[in-house]
Amino acid sequence: MRLGDWARAIKRDFGVLWMARKDPRVPRAAKVVAVAALAYALSPIA
């Protein structure tokens, strides 16, 4: 995967997570897992 493709995917995923964060129908556990996955994806250790 090229860097540009990766950046577009992260931008898209961030938008989805941002909308899910605001939606009261999304369970709290799903929000926590999504934030952890995003943090892992952006981590310099990965």
PDB file of N, CA and C in Angstrom:
ATOM      1  N   MET A   1       0.856  -1.181   0.000  1.00  0.00           N
ATOM      2  CA  MET A   1       0.000   0.000   0.000  1.00  0.00           C
ATOM      3  C   MET A   1       0.898   1.240   0.000  1.00  0.00           C
ATOM      4  N   ARG A   2       0.603   2.130  -0.905  1.00  0.00           N
ATOM      5  CA  ARG A   2       1.377   3.360  -0.989  1.00  0.00           C
ATOM      6  C   ARG A   2       0.985   4.311   0.129  1.00  0.00           C
ATOM      7  N   LEU A   3       1.845   5.242   0.442  1.00  0.00           N
ATOM      8  CA  LEU A   3       1.611   6.185   1.531  1.00  0.00           C
ATOM      9  C   LEU A   3       0.365   7.027   1.279  1.00  0.00           C
ATOM     10  N   GLY A   4       0.152   7.460   0.066  1.00  0.00           N
ATOM     11  CA  GLY A   4      -1.028   8.263  -0.261  1.00  0.00           C
ATOM     12  C   GLY A   4      -2.322   7.496  -0.056  1.00  0.00           C
ATOM     13  N   ASP A   5      -2.310   6.221  -0.442  1.00  0.00           N
ATOM     14  CA  ASP A   5      -3.486   5.375  -0.231  1.00  0.00           C
ATOM     15  C   ASP A   5      -3.750   5.190   1.256  1.00  0.00           C
ATOM     16  N   TRP A   6      -2.676   4.979   2.013  1.00  0.00           N
ATOM     17  CA  TRP A   6      -2.789   4.807   3.459  1.00  0.00           C
ATOM     18  C   TRP A   6      -3.363   6.066   4.102  1.00  0.00           C
ATOM     19  N   ALA A   7      -2.889   7.228   3.680  1.00  0.00           N
ATOM     20  CA  ALA A   7      -3.362   8.490   4.246  1.00  0.00           C
ATOM     21  C   ALA A   7      -4.846   8.698   3.930  1.00  0.00           C
ATOM     22  N   ARG A   8      -5.265   8.374   2.719  1.00  0.00           N
ATOM     23  CA  ARG A   8      -6.687   8.505   2.370  1.00  0.00           C
ATOM     24  C   ARG A   8      -7.546   7.566   3.213  1.00  0.00           C
ATOM     25  N   ALA A   9      -7.074   6.359   3.434  1.00  0.00           N
ATOM     26  CA  ALA A   9      -7.825   5.397   4.238  1.00  0.00           C
ATOM     27  C   ALA A   9      -7.948   5.873   5.680  1.00  0.00           C
ATOM     28  N   ILE A  10      -6.880   6.413   6.224  1.00  0.00           N
ATOM     29  CA  ILE A  10      -6.923   6.929   7.597  1.00  0.00           C
ATOM     30  C   ILE A  10      -7.887   8.108   7.683  1.00  0.00           C
ATOM     31  N   LYS A  11      -7.866   8.980   6.691  1.00  0.00           N
ATOM     32  CA  LYS A  11      -8.772  10.142   6.685  1.00  0.00           C
ATOM     33  C   LYS A  11     -10.226   9.681   6.633  1.00  0.00           C
ATOM     34  N   ARG A  12     -10.516   8.700   5.794  1.00  0.00           N
ATOM     35  CA  ARG A  12     -11.874   8.163   5.693  1.00  0.00           C
ATOM     36  C   ARG A  12     -12.294   7.505   7.006  1.00  0.00           C
ATOM     37  N   ASP A  13     -11.401   6.698   7.566  1.00  0.00           N
ATOM     38  CA  ASP A  13     -11.720   6.016   8.819  1.00  0.00           C
ATOM     39  C   ASP A  13     -11.922   7.003   9.957  1.00  0.00           C
ATOM     40  N   PHE A  14     -11.122   8.053   9.977  1.00  0.00           N
ATOM     41  CA  PHE A  14     -11.269   9.060  11.024  1.00  0.00           C
ATOM     42  C   PHE A  14     -12.643   9.723  10.933  1.00  0.00           C
ATOM     43  N   GLY A  15     -13.101  10.004   9.726  1.00  0.00           N
ATOM     44  CA  GLY A  15     -14.425  10.605   9.549  1.00  0.00           C
ATOM     45  C   GLY A  15     -15.534   9.687  10.044  1.00  0.00           C
ATOM     46  N   VAL A  16     -15.404   8.413   9.745  1.00  0.00           N
ATOM     47  CA  VAL A  16     -16.400   7.433  10.200  1.00  0.00           C
ATOM     48  C   VAL A  16     -16.402   7.354  11.725  1.00  0.00           C
ATOM     49  N   LEU A  17     -15.214   7.304  12.313  1.00  0.00           N
ATOM     50  CA  LEU A  17     -15.124   7.233  13.773  1.00  0.00           C
ATOM     51  C   LEU A  17     -15.657   8.494  14.431  1.00  0.00           C
ATOM     52  N   TRP A  18     -15.429   9.629  13.801  1.00  0.00           N
ATOM     53  CA  TRP A  18     -15.921  10.894  14.359  1.00  0.00           C
ATOM     54  C   TRP A  18     -17.451  10.894  14.378  1.00  0.00           C
ATOM     55  N   MET A  19     -18.063  10.414  13.303  1.00  0.00           N
ATOM     56  CA  MET A  19     -19.531  10.358  13.261  1.00  0.00           C
ATOM     57  C   MET A  19     -20.069   9.332  14.252  1.00  0.00           C
ATOM     58  N   ALA A  20     -19.389   8.202  14.378  1.00  0.00           N
ATOM     59  CA  ALA A  20     -19.824   7.169  15.325  1.00  0.00           C
ATOM     60  C   ALA A  20     -19.714   7.667  16.762  1.00  0.00           C
ATOM     61  N   ARG A  21     -18.736   8.509  17.029  1.00  0.00           N
ATOM     62  CA  ARG A  21     -18.555   9.044  18.373  1.00  0.00           C
ATOM     63  C   ARG A  21     -19.749   9.888  18.803  1.00  0.00           C
ATOM     64  N   LYS A  22     -20.333  10.575  17.861  1.00  0.00           N
ATOM     65  CA  LYS A  22     -21.470  11.450  18.154  1.00  0.00           C
ATOM     66  C   LYS A  22     -22.816  10.714  18.180  1.00  0.00           C
ATOM     67  N   ASP A  23     -22.876   9.522  17.583  1.00  0.00           N
ATOM     68  CA  ASP A  23     -24.145   8.803  17.467  1.00  0.00           C
ATOM     69  C   ASP A  23     -24.469   8.051  18.757  1.00  0.00           C
ATOM     70  N   PRO A  24     -25.611   8.351  19.381  1.00  0.00           N
ATOM     71  CA  PRO A  24     -25.946   7.688  20.650  1.00  0.00           C
ATOM     72  C   PRO A  24     -26.300   6.210  20.484  1.00  0.00           C
ATOM     73  N   ARG A  25     -26.555   5.755  19.266  1.00  0.00           N
ATOM     74  CA  ARG A  25     -26.898   4.344  19.040  1.00  0.00           C
ATOM     75  C   ARG A  25     -25.679   3.425  19.065  1.00  0.00           C
ATOM     76  N   VAL A  26     -24.491   3.993  18.946  1.00  0.00           N
ATOM     77  CA  VAL A  26     -23.269   3.189  18.934  1.00  0.00           C
ATOM     78  C   VAL A  26     -22.896   2.861  20.383  1.00  0.00           C
ATOM     79  N   PRO A  27     -22.734   1.569  20.694  1.00  0.00           N
ATOM     80  CA  PRO A  27     -22.382   1.193  22.071  1.00  0.00           C
ATOM     81  C   PRO A  27     -21.017   1.756  22.486  1.00  0.00           C
ATOM     82  N   ARG A  28     -20.892   2.034  23.773  1.00  0.00           N
ATOM     83  CA  ARG A  28     -19.653   2.609  24.304  1.00  0.00           C
ATOM     84  C   ARG A  28     -18.453   1.685  24.047  1.00  0.00           C
ATOM     85  N   ALA A  29     -18.650   0.387  24.169  1.00  0.00           N
ATOM     86  CA  ALA A  29     -17.550  -0.560  23.946  1.00  0.00           C
ATOM     87  C   ALA A  29     -17.030  -0.464  22.507  1.00  0.00           C
ATOM     88  N   ALA A  30     -17.919  -0.302  21.554  1.00  0.00           N
ATOM     89  CA  ALA A  30     -17.501  -0.170  20.154  1.00  0.00           C
ATOM     90  C   ALA A  30     -16.699   1.111  19.951  1.00  0.00           C
ATOM     91  N   LYS A  31     -17.074   2.169  20.637  1.00  0.00           N
ATOM     92  CA  LYS A  31     -16.338   3.427  20.539  1.00  0.00           C
ATOM     93  C   LYS A  31     -14.932   3.274  21.103  1.00  0.00           C
ATOM     94  N   VAL A  32     -14.808   2.570  22.213  1.00  0.00           N
ATOM     95  CA  VAL A  32     -13.494   2.368  22.829  1.00  0.00           C
ATOM     96  C   VAL A  32     -12.592   1.545  21.913  1.00  0.00           C
ATOM     97  N   VAL A  33     -13.125   0.487  21.339  1.00  0.00           N
ATOM     98  CA  VAL A  33     -12.341  -0.347  20.432  1.00  0.00           C
ATOM     99  C   VAL A  33     -11.922   0.448  19.199  1.00  0.00           C
ATOM    100  N   ALA A  34     -12.801   1.262  18.671  1.00  0.00           N
ATOM    101  CA  ALA A  34     -12.486   2.058  17.486  1.00  0.00           C
ATOM    102  C   ALA A  34     -11.376   3.058  17.778  1.00  0.00           C
ATOM    103  N   VAL A  35     -11.438   3.701  18.922  1.00  0.00           N
ATOM    104  CA  VAL A  35     -10.390   4.668  19.288  1.00  0.00           C
ATOM    105  C   VAL A  35      -9.055   3.952  19.492  1.00  0.00           C
ATOM    106  N   ALA A  36      -9.100   2.785  20.116  1.00  0.00           N
ATOM    107  CA  ALA A  36      -7.861   2.020  20.315  1.00  0.00           C
ATOM    108  C   ALA A  36      -7.264   1.599  18.974  1.00  0.00           C
ATOM    109  N   ALA A  37      -8.085   1.194  18.039  1.00  0.00           N
ATOM    110  CA  ALA A  37      -7.601   0.781  16.718  1.00  0.00           C
ATOM    111  C   ALA A  37      -6.988   1.977  15.979  1.00  0.00           C
ATOM    112  N   LEU A  38      -7.616   3.127  16.075  1.00  0.00           N
ATOM    113  CA  LEU A  38      -7.075   4.323  15.429  1.00  0.00           C
ATOM    114  C   LEU A  38      -5.755   4.722  16.071  1.00  0.00           C
ATOM    115  N   ALA A  39      -5.683   4.654  17.381  1.00  0.00           N
ATOM    116  CA  ALA A  39      -4.433   4.981  18.074  1.00  0.00           C
ATOM    117  C   ALA A  39      -3.315   4.029  17.653  1.00  0.00           C
ATOM    118  N   TYR A  40      -3.634   2.760  17.507  1.00  0.00           N
ATOM    119  CA  TYR A  40      -2.642   1.781  17.071  1.00  0.00           C
ATOM    120  C   TYR A  40      -2.188   2.079  15.636  1.00  0.00           C
ATOM    121  N   ALA A  41      -3.137   2.438  14.780  1.00  0.00           N
ATOM    122  CA  ALA A  41      -2.784   2.726  13.382  1.00  0.00           C
ATOM    123  C   ALA A  41      -1.879   3.943  13.266  1.00  0.00           C
ATOM    124  N   LEU A  42      -2.063   4.910  14.119  1.00  0.00           N
ATOM    125  CA  LEU A  42      -1.261   6.127  14.069  1.00  0.00           C
ATOM    126  C   LEU A  42       0.005   6.055  14.922  1.00  0.00           C
ATOM    127  N   SER A  43       0.156   4.990  15.661  1.00  0.00           N
ATOM    128  CA  SER A  43       1.297   4.826  16.559  1.00  0.00           C
ATOM    129  C   SER A  43       2.597   4.673  15.752  1.00  0.00           C
ATOM    130  N   PRO A  44       3.654   5.350  16.195  1.00  0.00           N
ATOM    131  CA  PRO A  44       4.934   5.195  15.498  1.00  0.00           C
ATOM    132  C   PRO A  44       5.565   3.823  15.764  1.00  0.00           C
ATOM    133  N   ILE A  45       5.067   3.091  16.744  1.00  0.00           N
ATOM    134  CA  ILE A  45       5.606   1.772  17.071  1.00  0.00           C
ATOM    135  C   ILE A  45       5.171   0.743  16.029  1.00  0.00           C
ATOM    136  N   ALA A  46       3.966   0.919  15.465  1.00  0.00           N
ATOM    137  CA  ALA A  46       3.437  -0.037  14.494  1.00  0.00           C
ATOM    138  C   ALA A  46       4.279   0.010  13.283  1.00  0.00           C
TER     139      ALA A  46
END
